[in-house]
């Protein structure tokens, strides 16, 4: 299945879980089950927006976007984070109202069964989506999967709390659980927004990929070749590295191009999906960008 197919499935599952959790809230009157249903509503909106952004990200480069549309996926995770903030505010409002005016809850057994069924659906889908997200390095799919995992733990916490209500008769426990649910999803929303912002600001590759790049450049460096001005960045599913490759000025263009081609192939083998941009320079020529880090290089 493609990334978009998983997101379409996520939309369908979100619609089913909303129906199940809304039914659980309707039959029980539990504000914690209402909070669970609101979070699933966020799942639906997030999945629909993620599907739209993935569709945009897959568009080929054009005159206005010559480097492609890959960063569109970051808008998806940021949007979902903002939706989580809105849902958490609604949950806290409802919980405080119920805490000030406690009301009995009914048919908790049926409500908990419906909640657990929806959790099983979300859990299975989230596991498959996270695996696919890591395979394709899709931020939109990863954000949706992580939110589904949060939804699963939320539902488990709600059910555990309702068991406590049944055992103790403490009606105040229901709205307190709802507030805890809201605080938990607020944390997840903050993480999504921060990760979205980091991606839009051209975040560097992960340390493992950077180590692999430097290992390749160490192997390719010798008395006649050295590298500097090495910079990496992530753009959606794409990964990039830019650098300068210095070599003797007496080399022919064909010899220099062959040496660069060998380096590019080695880099792509070490880091799948990497796009390398290598500028060729004579050994005695330096390019300075007024940044001390730019003078750091690899090679003699």
C-alpha atoms as a PDB file:
ATOM      1  CA  UNK A   1       0.000   0.000   0.000  1.00  0.00           C
ATOM      2  CA  UNK A   2       1.098   3.548  -0.742  1.00  0.00           C
ATOM      3  CA  UNK A   3       1.286   6.319   1.877  1.00  0.00           C
ATOM      4  CA  UNK A   4      -1.923   7.888   0.535  1.00  0.00           C
ATOM      5  CA  UNK A   5      -3.743   4.537   0.810  1.00  0.00           C
ATOM      6  CA  UNK A   6      -2.867   4.314   4.513  1.00  0.00           C
ATOM      7  CA  UNK A   7      -4.184   7.827   5.067  1.00  0.00           C
ATOM      8  CA  UNK A   8      -7.438   6.990   3.272  1.00  0.00           C
ATOM      9  CA  UNK A   9      -7.753   3.971   5.550  1.00  0.00           C
ATOM     10  CA  UNK A  10      -7.037   6.232   8.520  1.00  0.00           C
ATOM     11  CA  UNK A  11      -9.934   8.505   7.487  1.00  0.00           C
ATOM     12  CA  UNK A  12     -12.287   5.512   7.303  1.00  0.00           C
ATOM     13  CA  UNK A  13     -11.158   4.098  10.660  1.00  0.00           C
ATOM     14  CA  UNK A  14     -11.449   7.534  12.291  1.00  0.00           C
ATOM     15  CA  UNK A  15     -15.063   7.791  11.111  1.00  0.00           C
ATOM     16  CA  UNK A  16     -15.844   4.363  12.588  1.00  0.00           C
ATOM     17  CA  UNK A  17     -14.152   5.126  15.918  1.00  0.00           C
ATOM     18  CA  UNK A  18     -15.990   8.455  16.188  1.00  0.00           C
ATOM     19  CA  UNK A  19     -19.271   6.589  15.820  1.00  0.00           C
ATOM     20  CA  UNK A  20     -18.259   4.004  18.437  1.00  0.00           C
ATOM     21  CA  UNK A  21     -16.957   6.525  20.970  1.00  0.00           C
ATOM     22  CA  UNK A  22     -19.846   8.937  20.476  1.00  0.00           C
ATOM     23  CA  UNK A  23     -22.202   6.032  21.117  1.00  0.00           C
ATOM     24  CA  UNK A  24     -20.222   5.162  24.258  1.00  0.00           C
ATOM     25  CA  UNK A  25     -20.571   8.751  25.515  1.00  0.00           C
ATOM     26  CA  UNK A  26     -24.280   8.930  24.594  1.00  0.00           C
ATOM     27  CA  UNK A  27     -25.173   5.766  26.496  1.00  0.00           C
ATOM     28  CA  UNK A  28     -23.046   6.480  29.558  1.00  0.00           C
ATOM     29  CA  UNK A  29     -22.961  10.276  29.873  1.00  0.00           C
ATOM     30  CA  UNK A  30     -19.264   9.989  30.821  1.00  0.00           C
ATOM     31  CA  UNK A  31     -17.290  13.152  30.172  1.00  0.00           C
ATOM     32  CA  UNK A  32     -14.066  11.140  29.928  1.00  0.00           C
ATOM     33  CA  UNK A  33     -15.603   9.098  27.099  1.00  0.00           C
ATOM     34  CA  UNK A  34     -16.659  12.401  25.507  1.00  0.00           C
ATOM     35  CA  UNK A  35     -13.027  13.542  25.648  1.00  0.00           C
ATOM     36  CA  UNK A  36     -12.017  10.296  23.948  1.00  0.00           C
ATOM     37  CA  UNK A  37     -14.570  10.921  21.195  1.00  0.00           C
ATOM     38  CA  UNK A  38     -13.299  14.482  20.680  1.00  0.00           C
ATOM     39  CA  UNK A  39      -9.772  13.207  20.211  1.00  0.00           C
ATOM     40  CA  UNK A  40     -11.010  10.815  17.518  1.00  0.00           C
ATOM     41  CA  UNK A  41     -12.650  13.783  15.791  1.00  0.00           C
ATOM     42  CA  UNK A  42      -9.197  15.380  15.696  1.00  0.00           C
ATOM     43  CA  UNK A  43      -7.872  12.122  14.198  1.00  0.00           C
ATOM     44  CA  UNK A  44     -10.400  12.394  11.377  1.00  0.00           C
ATOM     45  CA  UNK A  45      -9.594  16.034  10.584  1.00  0.00           C
ATOM     46  CA  UNK A  46      -5.858  15.347  10.857  1.00  0.00           C
ATOM     47  CA  UNK A  47      -6.007  12.326   8.556  1.00  0.00           C
ATOM     48  CA  UNK A  48      -7.976  14.268   5.930  1.00  0.00           C
ATOM     49  CA  UNK A  49      -5.510  17.166   6.004  1.00  0.00           C
ATOM     50  CA  UNK A  50      -2.546  14.759   5.937  1.00  0.00           C
ATOM     51  CA  UNK A  51      -3.997  13.067   2.843  1.00  0.00           C
ATOM     52  CA  UNK A  52      -4.300  16.465   1.143  1.00  0.00           C
ATOM     53  CA  UNK A  53      -0.708  17.415   2.042  1.00  0.00           C
ATOM     54  CA  UNK A  54       0.738  14.077   0.909  1.00  0.00           C
ATOM     55  CA  UNK A  55      -1.033  14.576  -2.424  1.00  0.00           C
ATOM     56  CA  UNK A  56       0.587  18.017  -2.715  1.00  0.00           C
ATOM     57  CA  UNK A  57       4.016  16.668  -1.665  1.00  0.00           C
ATOM     58  CA  UNK A  58       3.934  14.080  -4.456  1.00  0.00           C
ATOM     59  CA  UNK A  59       3.582  16.701  -7.173  1.00  0.00           C
ATOM     60  CA  UNK A  60       6.634  17.012  -9.434  1.00  0.00           C
ATOM     61  CA  UNK A  61       8.749  20.186  -9.446  1.00  0.00           C
ATOM     62  CA  UNK A  62       7.332  23.118 -11.419  1.00  0.00           C
ATOM     63  CA  UNK A  63       8.352  26.670 -12.309  1.00  0.00           C
ATOM     64  CA  UNK A  64       7.210  28.047  -8.940  1.00  0.00           C
ATOM     65  CA  UNK A  65       8.626  25.139  -6.901  1.00  0.00           C
ATOM     66  CA  UNK A  66      11.748  23.901  -8.735  1.00  0.00           C
ATOM     67  CA  UNK A  67      12.847  21.819  -5.726  1.00  0.00           C
ATOM     68  CA  UNK A  68       9.495  20.029  -5.434  1.00  0.00           C
ATOM     69  CA  UNK A  69       6.686  20.177  -2.870  1.00  0.00           C
ATOM     70  CA  UNK A  70       8.056  17.772  -0.242  1.00  0.00           C
ATOM     71  CA  UNK A  71       7.778  20.216   2.669  1.00  0.00           C
ATOM     72  CA  UNK A  72       3.986  20.196   2.407  1.00  0.00           C
ATOM     73  CA  UNK A  73       4.003  17.211   4.775  1.00  0.00           C
ATOM     74  CA  UNK A  74       5.282  19.391   7.609  1.00  0.00           C
ATOM     75  CA  UNK A  75       2.123  21.501   7.415  1.00  0.00           C
ATOM     76  CA  UNK A  76       0.168  18.325   8.125  1.00  0.00           C
ATOM     77  CA  UNK A  77       1.892  17.559  11.437  1.00  0.00           C
ATOM     78  CA  UNK A  78       1.688  21.224  12.476  1.00  0.00           C
ATOM     79  CA  UNK A  79      -2.018  21.387  11.627  1.00  0.00           C
ATOM     80  CA  UNK A  80      -2.718  18.224  13.593  1.00  0.00           C
ATOM     81  CA  UNK A  81      -0.851  19.667  16.580  1.00  0.00           C
ATOM     82  CA  UNK A  82      -3.010  22.814  16.492  1.00  0.00           C
ATOM     83  CA  UNK A  83      -6.166  20.674  16.284  1.00  0.00           C
ATOM     84  CA  UNK A  84      -5.005  18.798  19.364  1.00  0.00           C
ATOM     85  CA  UNK A  85      -4.724  22.086  21.284  1.00  0.00           C
ATOM     86  CA  UNK A  86      -8.312  22.949  20.319  1.00  0.00           C
ATOM     87  CA  UNK A  87      -9.589  19.515  21.323  1.00  0.00           C
ATOM     88  CA  UNK A  88      -7.765  19.667  24.656  1.00  0.00           C
ATOM     89  CA  UNK A  89      -9.338  23.056  25.420  1.00  0.00           C
ATOM     90  CA  UNK A  90     -12.796  21.633  24.715  1.00  0.00           C
ATOM     91  CA  UNK A  91     -12.130  18.592  26.890  1.00  0.00           C
ATOM     92  CA  UNK A  92     -10.949  20.707  29.843  1.00  0.00           C
ATOM     93  CA  UNK A  93     -13.984  23.006  29.545  1.00  0.00           C
ATOM     94  CA  UNK A  94     -16.397  20.047  29.605  1.00  0.00           C
ATOM     95  CA  UNK A  95     -14.484  18.360  32.448  1.00  0.00           C
ATOM     96  CA  UNK A  96     -14.477  21.457  34.675  1.00  0.00           C
ATOM     97  CA  UNK A  97     -18.210  21.917  34.092  1.00  0.00           C
ATOM     98  CA  UNK A  98     -18.851  18.281  35.089  1.00  0.00           C
ATOM     99  CA  UNK A  99     -16.523  18.560  38.081  1.00  0.00           C
ATOM    100  CA  UNK A 100     -18.533  21.522  39.393  1.00  0.00           C
ATOM    101  CA  UNK A 101     -21.844  19.738  38.697  1.00  0.00           C
ATOM    102  CA  UNK A 102     -21.267  15.969  39.118  1.00  0.00           C
ATOM    103  CA  UNK A 103     -23.729  13.681  37.326  1.00  0.00           C
ATOM    104  CA  UNK A 104     -24.158   9.912  37.490  1.00  0.00           C
ATOM    105  CA  UNK A 105     -22.842   7.720  34.669  1.00  0.00           C
ATOM    106  CA  UNK A 106     -24.803   4.779  33.320  1.00  0.00           C
ATOM    107  CA  UNK A 107     -24.202   1.600  31.316  1.00  0.00           C
ATOM    108  CA  UNK A 108     -20.458   1.877  31.772  1.00  0.00           C
ATOM    109  CA  UNK A 109     -19.908  -1.719  30.707  1.00  0.00           C
ATOM    110  CA  UNK A 110     -21.262  -1.085  27.202  1.00  0.00           C
ATOM    111  CA  UNK A 111     -19.377   2.194  26.932  1.00  0.00           C
ATOM    112  CA  UNK A 112     -16.071   0.593  27.880  1.00  0.00           C
ATOM    113  CA  UNK A 113     -16.559  -2.235  25.362  1.00  0.00           C
ATOM    114  CA  UNK A 114     -17.156   0.251  22.532  1.00  0.00           C
ATOM    115  CA  UNK A 115     -14.106   2.254  23.591  1.00  0.00           C
ATOM    116  CA  UNK A 116     -11.878  -0.828  23.652  1.00  0.00           C
ATOM    117  CA  UNK A 117     -13.103  -1.974  20.216  1.00  0.00           C
ATOM    118  CA  UNK A 118     -12.194   1.435  18.757  1.00  0.00           C
ATOM    119  CA  UNK A 119      -8.801   1.252  20.496  1.00  0.00           C
ATOM    120  CA  UNK A 120      -8.086  -2.111  18.885  1.00  0.00           C
ATOM    121  CA  UNK A 121      -8.850  -0.633  15.444  1.00  0.00           C
ATOM    122  CA  UNK A 122      -6.652   2.406  16.083  1.00  0.00           C
ATOM    123  CA  UNK A 123      -3.806   0.352  17.523  1.00  0.00           C
ATOM    124  CA  UNK A 124      -3.602  -2.032  14.569  1.00  0.00           C
ATOM    125  CA  UNK A 125      -3.729   0.809  12.058  1.00  0.00           C
ATOM    126  CA  UNK A 126      -1.185   2.944  13.970  1.00  0.00           C
ATOM    127  CA  UNK A 127       1.336   0.083  14.049  1.00  0.00           C
ATOM    128  CA  UNK A 128       1.058  -0.472  10.272  1.00  0.00           C
ATOM    129  CA  UNK A 129       1.198   3.281   9.564  1.00  0.00           C
ATOM    130  CA  UNK A 130       4.302   3.844  11.687  1.00  0.00           C
ATOM    131  CA  UNK A 131       6.113   1.030   9.889  1.00  0.00           C
ATOM    132  CA  UNK A 132       5.188   2.526   6.499  1.00  0.00           C
ATOM    133  CA  UNK A 133       6.112   6.055   7.656  1.00  0.00           C
ATOM    134  CA  UNK A 134       9.634   4.950   8.595  1.00  0.00           C
ATOM    135  CA  UNK A 135       9.992   3.062   5.329  1.00  0.00           C
ATOM    136  CA  UNK A 136       9.027   6.117   3.235  1.00  0.00           C
ATOM    137  CA  UNK A 137      10.202   8.817   5.691  1.00  0.00           C
ATOM    138  CA  UNK A 138       6.733  10.405   5.577  1.00  0.00           C
ATOM    139  CA  UNK A 139       6.245  13.041   8.289  1.00  0.00           C
ATOM    140  CA  UNK A 140       2.510  13.283   7.601  1.00  0.00           C
ATOM    141  CA  UNK A 141       1.994   9.550   8.024  1.00  0.00           C
ATOM    142  CA  UNK A 142       4.236   9.446  11.114  1.00  0.00           C
ATOM    143  CA  UNK A 143       2.306  12.306  12.757  1.00  0.00           C
ATOM    144  CA  UNK A 144      -1.006  10.568  12.124  1.00  0.00           C
ATOM    145  CA  UNK A 145       0.321   7.252  13.440  1.00  0.00           C
ATOM    146  CA  UNK A 146       1.700   8.850  16.609  1.00  0.00           C
ATOM    147  CA  UNK A 147      -1.607  10.557  17.284  1.00  0.00           C
ATOM    148  CA  UNK A 148      -3.407   7.236  16.861  1.00  0.00           C
ATOM    149  CA  UNK A 149      -1.051   5.654  19.399  1.00  0.00           C
ATOM    150  CA  UNK A 150      -1.866   8.513  21.775  1.00  0.00           C
ATOM    151  CA  UNK A 151      -5.555   7.846  21.186  1.00  0.00           C
ATOM    152  CA  UNK A 152      -5.063   4.186  22.100  1.00  0.00           C
ATOM    153  CA  UNK A 153      -3.378   5.019  25.411  1.00  0.00           C
ATOM    154  CA  UNK A 154      -6.028   7.644  26.078  1.00  0.00           C
ATOM    155  CA  UNK A 155      -8.804   5.087  25.651  1.00  0.00           C
ATOM    156  CA  UNK A 156      -7.033   2.594  27.897  1.00  0.00           C
ATOM    157  CA  UNK A 157      -6.641   5.277  30.580  1.00  0.00           C
ATOM    158  CA  UNK A 158     -10.302   6.271  30.281  1.00  0.00           C
ATOM    159  CA  UNK A 159     -11.473   2.685  30.644  1.00  0.00           C
ATOM    160  CA  UNK A 160      -9.199   2.135  33.667  1.00  0.00           C
ATOM    161  CA  UNK A 161     -10.601   5.296  35.248  1.00  0.00           C
ATOM    162  CA  UNK A 162     -14.190   4.258  34.618  1.00  0.00           C
ATOM    163  CA  UNK A 163     -13.501   0.941  36.285  1.00  0.00           C
ATOM    164  CA  UNK A 164     -12.366   3.017  39.243  1.00  0.00           C
ATOM    165  CA  UNK A 165     -15.652   4.973  39.153  1.00  0.00           C
ATOM    166  CA  UNK A 166     -17.618   1.707  39.149  1.00  0.00           C
ATOM    167  CA  UNK A 167     -15.573   0.341  42.046  1.00  0.00           C
ATOM    168  CA  UNK A 168     -15.637   3.434  44.257  1.00  0.00           C
ATOM    169  CA  UNK A 169     -18.697   5.426  43.207  1.00  0.00           C
ATOM    170  CA  UNK A 170     -16.535   8.593  43.073  1.00  0.00           C
ATOM    171  CA  UNK A 171     -18.230  10.651  40.353  1.00  0.00           C
ATOM    172  CA  UNK A 172     -15.501  13.305  40.459  1.00  0.00           C
ATOM    173  CA  UNK A 173     -13.048  10.716  39.110  1.00  0.00           C
ATOM    174  CA  UNK A 174     -14.676  10.854  35.657  1.00  0.00           C
ATOM    175  CA  UNK A 175     -13.941  14.577  34.939  1.00  0.00           C
ATOM    176  CA  UNK A 176     -10.495  14.295  36.538  1.00  0.00           C
ATOM    177  CA  UNK A 177      -9.644  11.537  34.062  1.00  0.00           C
ATOM    178  CA  UNK A 178     -10.859  13.790  31.234  1.00  0.00           C
ATOM    179  CA  UNK A 179      -8.479  16.559  32.355  1.00  0.00           C
ATOM    180  CA  UNK A 180      -5.591  14.079  32.450  1.00  0.00           C
ATOM    181  CA  UNK A 181      -6.519  12.982  28.919  1.00  0.00           C
ATOM    182  CA  UNK A 182      -6.411  16.616  27.780  1.00  0.00           C
ATOM    183  CA  UNK A 183      -2.992  17.216  29.343  1.00  0.00           C
ATOM    184  CA  UNK A 184      -1.628  14.061  27.699  1.00  0.00           C
ATOM    185  CA  UNK A 185      -2.767  15.019  24.202  1.00  0.00           C
ATOM    186  CA  UNK A 186      -1.520  18.587  24.760  1.00  0.00           C
ATOM    187  CA  UNK A 187       1.971  17.146  25.193  1.00  0.00           C
ATOM    188  CA  UNK A 188       1.623  15.220  21.930  1.00  0.00           C
ATOM    189  CA  UNK A 189       0.314  18.315  20.158  1.00  0.00           C
ATOM    190  CA  UNK A 190       3.288  20.380  21.338  1.00  0.00           C
ATOM    191  CA  UNK A 191       5.716  17.750  20.020  1.00  0.00           C
ATOM    192  CA  UNK A 192       4.001  17.705  16.610  1.00  0.00           C
ATOM    193  CA  UNK A 193       4.118  21.498  16.296  1.00  0.00           C
ATOM    194  CA  UNK A 194       7.804  21.641  17.297  1.00  0.00           C
ATOM    195  CA  UNK A 195       8.748  18.899  14.837  1.00  0.00           C
ATOM    196  CA  UNK A 196       6.821  20.653  12.074  1.00  0.00           C
ATOM    197  CA  UNK A 197       8.661  23.910  12.774  1.00  0.00           C
ATOM    198  CA  UNK A 198      12.020  22.114  12.823  1.00  0.00           C
ATOM    199  CA  UNK A 199      11.326  20.566   9.420  1.00  0.00           C
ATOM    200  CA  UNK A 200      10.288  23.856   7.849  1.00  0.00           C
ATOM    201  CA  UNK A 201      13.565  25.383   9.085  1.00  0.00           C
ATOM    202  CA  UNK A 202      15.690  22.881   7.094  1.00  0.00           C
ATOM    203  CA  UNK A 203      16.707  20.645   9.978  1.00  0.00           C
ATOM    204  CA  UNK A 204      19.934  18.662   9.515  1.00  0.00           C
ATOM    205  CA  UNK A 205      19.914  14.913   8.915  1.00  0.00           C
ATOM    206  CA  UNK A 206      19.863  12.580  11.897  1.00  0.00           C
ATOM    207  CA  UNK A 207      23.204  11.787  13.531  1.00  0.00           C
ATOM    208  CA  UNK A 208      23.316   8.249  12.099  1.00  0.00           C
ATOM    209  CA  UNK A 209      22.962   9.502   8.509  1.00  0.00           C
ATOM    210  CA  UNK A 210      25.530  12.242   9.095  1.00  0.00           C
ATOM    211  CA  UNK A 211      27.977   9.696  10.470  1.00  0.00           C
ATOM    212  CA  UNK A 212      27.483   7.539   7.377  1.00  0.00           C
ATOM    213  CA  UNK A 213      28.140  10.546   5.109  1.00  0.00           C
ATOM    214  CA  UNK A 214      31.331  11.485   6.943  1.00  0.00           C
ATOM    215  CA  UNK A 215      32.529   7.872   6.831  1.00  0.00           C
ATOM    216  CA  UNK A 216      32.154   7.848   3.038  1.00  0.00           C
ATOM    217  CA  UNK A 217      33.997  11.157   2.684  1.00  0.00           C
ATOM    218  CA  UNK A 218      36.811   9.910   4.908  1.00  0.00           C
ATOM    219  CA  UNK A 219      37.231   6.884   2.615  1.00  0.00           C
ATOM    220  CA  UNK A 220      37.172   9.049  -0.528  1.00  0.00           C
ATOM    221  CA  UNK A 221      39.664  11.609   0.776  1.00  0.00           C
ATOM    222  CA  UNK A 222      43.336  11.302  -0.206  1.00  0.00           C
ATOM    223  CA  UNK A 223      46.298  13.518  -1.073  1.00  0.00           C
ATOM    224  CA  UNK A 224      44.557  14.912  -4.150  1.00  0.00           C
ATOM    225  CA  UNK A 225      40.960  15.153  -2.907  1.00  0.00           C
ATOM    226  CA  UNK A 226      39.412  16.835   0.109  1.00  0.00           C
ATOM    227  CA  UNK A 227      35.895  17.995   1.106  1.00  0.00           C
ATOM    228  CA  UNK A 228      34.560  21.005   3.012  1.00  0.00           C
ATOM    229  CA  UNK A 229      31.444  23.201   3.404  1.00  0.00           C
ATOM    230  CA  UNK A 230      29.423  20.057   4.150  1.00  0.00           C
ATOM    231  CA  UNK A 231      25.762  20.774   4.956  1.00  0.00           C
ATOM    232  CA  UNK A 232      22.777  18.424   5.230  1.00  0.00           C
ATOM    233  CA  UNK A 233      19.039  19.036   5.366  1.00  0.00           C
ATOM    234  CA  UNK A 234      15.720  17.212   5.358  1.00  0.00           C
ATOM    235  CA  UNK A 235      12.769  18.223   3.174  1.00  0.00           C
ATOM    236  CA  UNK A 236       9.806  15.921   3.713  1.00  0.00           C
ATOM    237  CA  UNK A 237      10.741  12.512   2.355  1.00  0.00           C
ATOM    238  CA  UNK A 238      13.872  13.877   0.669  1.00  0.00           C
ATOM    239  CA  UNK A 239      17.347  14.089   2.216  1.00  0.00           C
ATOM    240  CA  UNK A 240      20.086  16.322   0.867  1.00  0.00           C
ATOM    241  CA  UNK A 241      23.800  16.966   1.345  1.00  0.00           C
ATOM    242  CA  UNK A 242      25.772  19.848  -0.199  1.00  0.00           C
ATOM    243  CA  UNK A 243      29.561  20.146  -0.212  1.00  0.00           C
ATOM    244  CA  UNK A 244      32.683  21.353  -1.986  1.00  0.00           C
ATOM    245  CA  UNK A 245      35.085  18.796  -3.432  1.00  0.00           C
ATOM    246  CA  UNK A 246      38.655  20.068  -3.950  1.00  0.00           C
ATOM    247  CA  UNK A 247      41.039  18.425  -6.436  1.00  0.00           C
ATOM    248  CA  UNK A 248      44.147  19.331  -8.463  1.00  0.00           C
ATOM    249  CA  UNK A 249      43.596  22.120 -10.998  1.00  0.00           C
ATOM    250  CA  UNK A 250      45.465  20.088 -13.606  1.00  0.00           C
ATOM    251  CA  UNK A 251      42.857  17.332 -13.733  1.00  0.00           C
ATOM    252  CA  UNK A 252      40.705  17.112 -16.847  1.00  0.00           C
ATOM    253  CA  UNK A 253      36.965  17.748 -16.581  1.00  0.00           C
ATOM    254  CA  UNK A 254      36.321  14.074 -17.352  1.00  0.00           C
ATOM    255  CA  UNK A 255      38.631  12.864 -14.586  1.00  0.00           C
ATOM    256  CA  UNK A 256      37.067  15.283 -12.068  1.00  0.00           C
ATOM    257  CA  UNK A 257      33.533  14.272 -13.061  1.00  0.00           C
ATOM    258  CA  UNK A 258      34.392  10.568 -12.713  1.00  0.00           C
ATOM    259  CA  UNK A 259      35.795  11.137  -9.222  1.00  0.00           C
ATOM    260  CA  UNK A 260      32.691  13.080  -8.211  1.00  0.00           C
ATOM    261  CA  UNK A 261      30.419  10.386  -9.640  1.00  0.00           C
ATOM    262  CA  UNK A 262      32.144   7.740  -7.530  1.00  0.00           C
ATOM    263  CA  UNK A 263      31.622   9.835  -4.402  1.00  0.00           C
ATOM    264  CA  UNK A 264      27.940  10.408  -5.226  1.00  0.00           C
ATOM    265  CA  UNK A 265      27.327   6.684  -5.737  1.00  0.00           C
ATOM    266  CA  UNK A 266      29.050   5.842  -2.450  1.00  0.00           C
ATOM    267  CA  UNK A 267      26.955   8.432  -0.596  1.00  0.00           C
ATOM    268  CA  UNK A 268      23.676   7.161  -2.054  1.00  0.00           C
ATOM    269  CA  UNK A 269      24.569   3.582  -1.154  1.00  0.00           C
ATOM    270  CA  UNK A 270      25.387   4.605   2.421  1.00  0.00           C
ATOM    271  CA  UNK A 271      22.253   6.758   2.901  1.00  0.00           C
ATOM    272  CA  UNK A 272      19.278   5.545   0.798  1.00  0.00           C
ATOM    273  CA  UNK A 273      17.302   8.339  -0.825  1.00  0.00           C
ATOM    274  CA  UNK A 274      20.072  10.910  -0.393  1.00  0.00           C
ATOM    275  CA  UNK A 275      20.514  13.629  -3.003  1.00  0.00           C
ATOM    276  CA  UNK A 276      24.107  14.904  -3.175  1.00  0.00           C
ATOM    277  CA  UNK A 277      25.090  18.272  -4.645  1.00  0.00           C
ATOM    278  CA  UNK A 278      28.889  18.471  -5.055  1.00  0.00           C
ATOM    279  CA  UNK A 279      30.639  21.605  -6.333  1.00  0.00           C
ATOM    280  CA  UNK A 280      34.076  20.986  -7.829  1.00  0.00           C
ATOM    281  CA  UNK A 281      36.899  23.388  -6.911  1.00  0.00           C
ATOM    282  CA  UNK A 282      40.697  23.417  -7.449  1.00  0.00           C
ATOM    283  CA  UNK A 283      42.711  22.358  -4.417  1.00  0.00           C
ATOM    284  CA  UNK A 284      44.126  25.874  -3.864  1.00  0.00           C
ATOM    285  CA  UNK A 285      40.757  27.693  -4.079  1.00  0.00           C
ATOM    286  CA  UNK A 286      38.612  28.362  -1.007  1.00  0.00           C
ATOM    287  CA  UNK A 287      35.027  29.591  -0.773  1.00  0.00           C
ATOM    288  CA  UNK A 288      34.119  31.528   2.350  1.00  0.00           C
ATOM    289  CA  UNK A 289      30.650  32.287   3.671  1.00  0.00           C
ATOM    290  CA  UNK A 290      31.642  34.216   6.814  1.00  0.00           C
ATOM    291  CA  UNK A 291      30.934  31.249   9.047  1.00  0.00           C
ATOM    292  CA  UNK A 292      33.737  29.493  10.960  1.00  0.00           C
ATOM    293  CA  UNK A 293      31.973  26.166  10.483  1.00  0.00           C
ATOM    294  CA  UNK A 294      32.350  26.491   6.713  1.00  0.00           C
ATOM    295  CA  UNK A 295      36.130  26.137   6.985  1.00  0.00           C
ATOM    296  CA  UNK A 296      35.829  22.696   8.591  1.00  0.00           C
ATOM    297  CA  UNK A 297      36.559  19.967   6.073  1.00  0.00           C
ATOM    298  CA  UNK A 298      37.434  16.315   5.542  1.00  0.00           C
ATOM    299  CA  UNK A 299      40.673  15.291   3.956  1.00  0.00           C
ATOM    300  CA  UNK A 300      44.308  16.425   3.874  1.00  0.00           C
END
